[in-house]
Amino acid sequence: MIPIRCVSCGKPVSAYFDEYNTRLADGEKSKDILDDMGFKRYCCRRMLISNVETWK
Protein backbone atom coordinates (compact mmCIF):
# COMPACT_ATOMS: atom_id res chain seq x y z
CA MET A 1 0.00 0.00 0.00
CA ILE A 2 1.43 3.37 -1.00
CA PRO A 3 1.71 5.98 1.76
CA ILE A 4 -0.40 9.11 1.31
CA ARG A 5 2.54 11.43 1.86
CA CYS A 6 6.30 11.13 1.58
CA VAL A 7 7.69 10.04 4.93
CA SER A 8 10.64 12.45 4.73
CA CYS A 9 9.27 15.71 3.34
CA GLY A 10 5.47 15.34 3.48
CA LYS A 11 4.70 15.85 -0.22
CA PRO A 12 1.55 13.96 -1.35
CA VAL A 13 2.56 10.93 -3.43
CA SER A 14 -0.45 8.60 -3.43
CA ALA A 15 -2.35 10.76 -5.92
CA TYR A 16 0.30 10.01 -8.56
CA PHE A 17 0.58 6.27 -7.99
CA ASP A 18 -2.01 5.12 -10.56
CA GLU A 19 -0.66 7.43 -13.26
CA TYR A 20 2.89 6.24 -12.54
CA ASN A 21 1.92 2.56 -12.84
CA THR A 22 -0.06 3.14 -16.04
CA ARG A 23 2.75 5.02 -17.73
CA LEU A 24 5.30 2.47 -16.53
CA ALA A 25 3.21 -0.34 -18.03
CA ASP A 26 3.08 1.59 -21.33
CA GLY A 27 6.86 1.34 -21.53
CA GLU A 28 8.02 4.78 -20.42
CA LYS A 29 11.19 5.08 -18.38
CA SER A 30 10.73 5.64 -14.67
CA LYS A 31 13.05 8.65 -14.67
CA ASP A 32 11.07 10.41 -17.39
CA ILE A 33 7.75 9.76 -15.66
CA LEU A 34 8.93 11.12 -12.32
CA ASP A 35 10.52 14.18 -13.92
CA ASP A 36 7.31 14.89 -15.83
CA MET A 37 5.16 14.58 -12.70
CA GLY A 38 7.40 17.01 -10.81
CA PHE A 39 9.16 14.69 -8.36
CA LYS A 40 12.57 16.32 -7.91
CA ARG A 41 13.49 15.09 -4.42
CA TYR A 42 15.02 11.66 -4.00
CA CYS A 43 12.84 10.91 -1.00
CA CYS A 44 9.62 11.28 -3.01
CA ARG A 45 10.99 9.36 -5.99
CA ARG A 46 11.90 6.45 -3.75
CA MET A 47 8.34 6.31 -2.39
CA LEU A 48 7.02 5.42 -5.85
CA ILE A 49 9.92 3.39 -7.22
CA SER A 50 10.45 1.15 -4.22
CA ASN A 51 6.81 0.34 -3.50
CA VAL A 52 6.03 -3.38 -3.53
CA GLU A 53 2.92 -2.94 -5.74
CA THR A 54 5.13 -1.49 -8.51
CA TRP A 55 7.11 -4.72 -8.89
CA LYS A 56 4.29 -6.84 -10.34
C-alpha atoms as a PDB file:
ATOM      1  CA  MET A   1       0.000   0.000   0.000  1.00  0.00           C
ATOM      2  CA  ILE A   2       1.425   3.370  -1.004  1.00  0.00           C
ATOM      3  CA  PRO A   3       1.709   5.982   1.760  1.00  0.00           C
ATOM      4  CA  ILE A   4      -0.403   9.106   1.315  1.00  0.00           C
ATOM      5  CA  ARG A   5       2.540  11.435   1.864  1.00  0.00           C
ATOM      6  CA  CYS A   6       6.298  11.128   1.581  1.00  0.00           C
ATOM      7  CA  VAL A   7       7.694  10.040   4.934  1.00  0.00           C
ATOM      8  CA  SER A   8      10.639  12.446   4.730  1.00  0.00           C
ATOM      9  CA  CYS A   9       9.266  15.711   3.339  1.00  0.00           C
ATOM     10  CA  GLY A  10       5.470  15.340   3.477  1.00  0.00           C
ATOM     11  CA  LYS A  11       4.699  15.854  -0.222  1.00  0.00           C
ATOM     12  CA  PRO A  12       1.550  13.961  -1.354  1.00  0.00           C
ATOM     13  CA  VAL A  13       2.556  10.929  -3.433  1.00  0.00           C
ATOM     14  CA  SER A  14      -0.451   8.596  -3.431  1.00  0.00           C
ATOM     15  CA  ALA A  15      -2.348  10.764  -5.922  1.00  0.00           C
ATOM     16  CA  TYR A  16       0.296  10.009  -8.558  1.00  0.00           C
ATOM     17  CA  PHE A  17       0.576   6.271  -7.994  1.00  0.00           C
ATOM     18  CA  ASP A  18      -2.011   5.123 -10.564  1.00  0.00           C
ATOM     19  CA  GLU A  19      -0.659   7.428 -13.261  1.00  0.00           C
ATOM     20  CA  TYR A  20       2.888   6.244 -12.542  1.00  0.00           C
ATOM     21  CA  ASN A  21       1.925   2.561 -12.843  1.00  0.00           C
ATOM     22  CA  THR A  22      -0.060   3.145 -16.040  1.00  0.00           C
ATOM     23  CA  ARG A  23       2.749   5.016 -17.734  1.00  0.00           C
ATOM     24  CA  LEU A  24       5.300   2.470 -16.534  1.00  0.00           C
ATOM     25  CA  ALA A  25       3.206  -0.340 -18.033  1.00  0.00           C
ATOM     26  CA  ASP A  26       3.084   1.587 -21.328  1.00  0.00           C
ATOM     27  CA  GLY A  27       6.862   1.343 -21.535  1.00  0.00           C
ATOM     28  CA  GLU A  28       8.022   4.781 -20.417  1.00  0.00           C
ATOM     29  CA  LYS A  29      11.192   5.083 -18.378  1.00  0.00           C
ATOM     30  CA  SER A  30      10.725   5.640 -14.668  1.00  0.00           C
ATOM     31  CA  LYS A  31      13.051   8.651 -14.665  1.00  0.00           C
ATOM     32  CA  ASP A  32      11.074  10.408 -17.394  1.00  0.00           C
ATOM     33  CA  ILE A  33       7.748   9.764 -15.661  1.00  0.00           C
ATOM     34  CA  LEU A  34       8.931  11.115 -12.316  1.00  0.00           C
ATOM     35  CA  ASP A  35      10.523  14.182 -13.919  1.00  0.00           C
ATOM     36  CA  ASP A  36       7.314  14.894 -15.830  1.00  0.00           C
ATOM     37  CA  MET A  37       5.162  14.575 -12.699  1.00  0.00           C
ATOM     38  CA  GLY A  38       7.404  17.007 -10.807  1.00  0.00           C
ATOM     39  CA  PHE A  39       9.160  14.691  -8.355  1.00  0.00           C
ATOM     40  CA  LYS A  40      12.568  16.321  -7.908  1.00  0.00           C
ATOM     41  CA  ARG A  41      13.491  15.086  -4.422  1.00  0.00           C
ATOM     42  CA  TYR A  42      15.020  11.657  -4.003  1.00  0.00           C
ATOM     43  CA  CYS A  43      12.845  10.913  -0.996  1.00  0.00           C
ATOM     44  CA  CYS A  44       9.623  11.280  -3.014  1.00  0.00           C
ATOM     45  CA  ARG A  45      10.993   9.365  -5.993  1.00  0.00           C
ATOM     46  CA  ARG A  46      11.902   6.448  -3.748  1.00  0.00           C
ATOM     47  CA  MET A  47       8.341   6.309  -2.389  1.00  0.00           C
ATOM     48  CA  LEU A  48       7.016   5.419  -5.854  1.00  0.00           C
ATOM     49  CA  ILE A  49       9.923   3.395  -7.218  1.00  0.00           C
ATOM     50  CA  SER A  50      10.453   1.152  -4.220  1.00  0.00           C
ATOM     51  CA  ASN A  51       6.809   0.343  -3.505  1.00  0.00           C
ATOM     52  CA  VAL A  52       6.027  -3.376  -3.533  1.00  0.00           C
ATOM     53  CA  GLU A  53       2.925  -2.939  -5.737  1.00  0.00           C
ATOM     54  CA  THR A  54       5.127  -1.487  -8.509  1.00  0.00           C
ATOM     55  CA  TRP A  55       7.110  -4.724  -8.888  1.00  0.00           C
ATOM     56  CA  LYS A  56       4.292  -6.844 -10.340  1.00  0.00           C
END
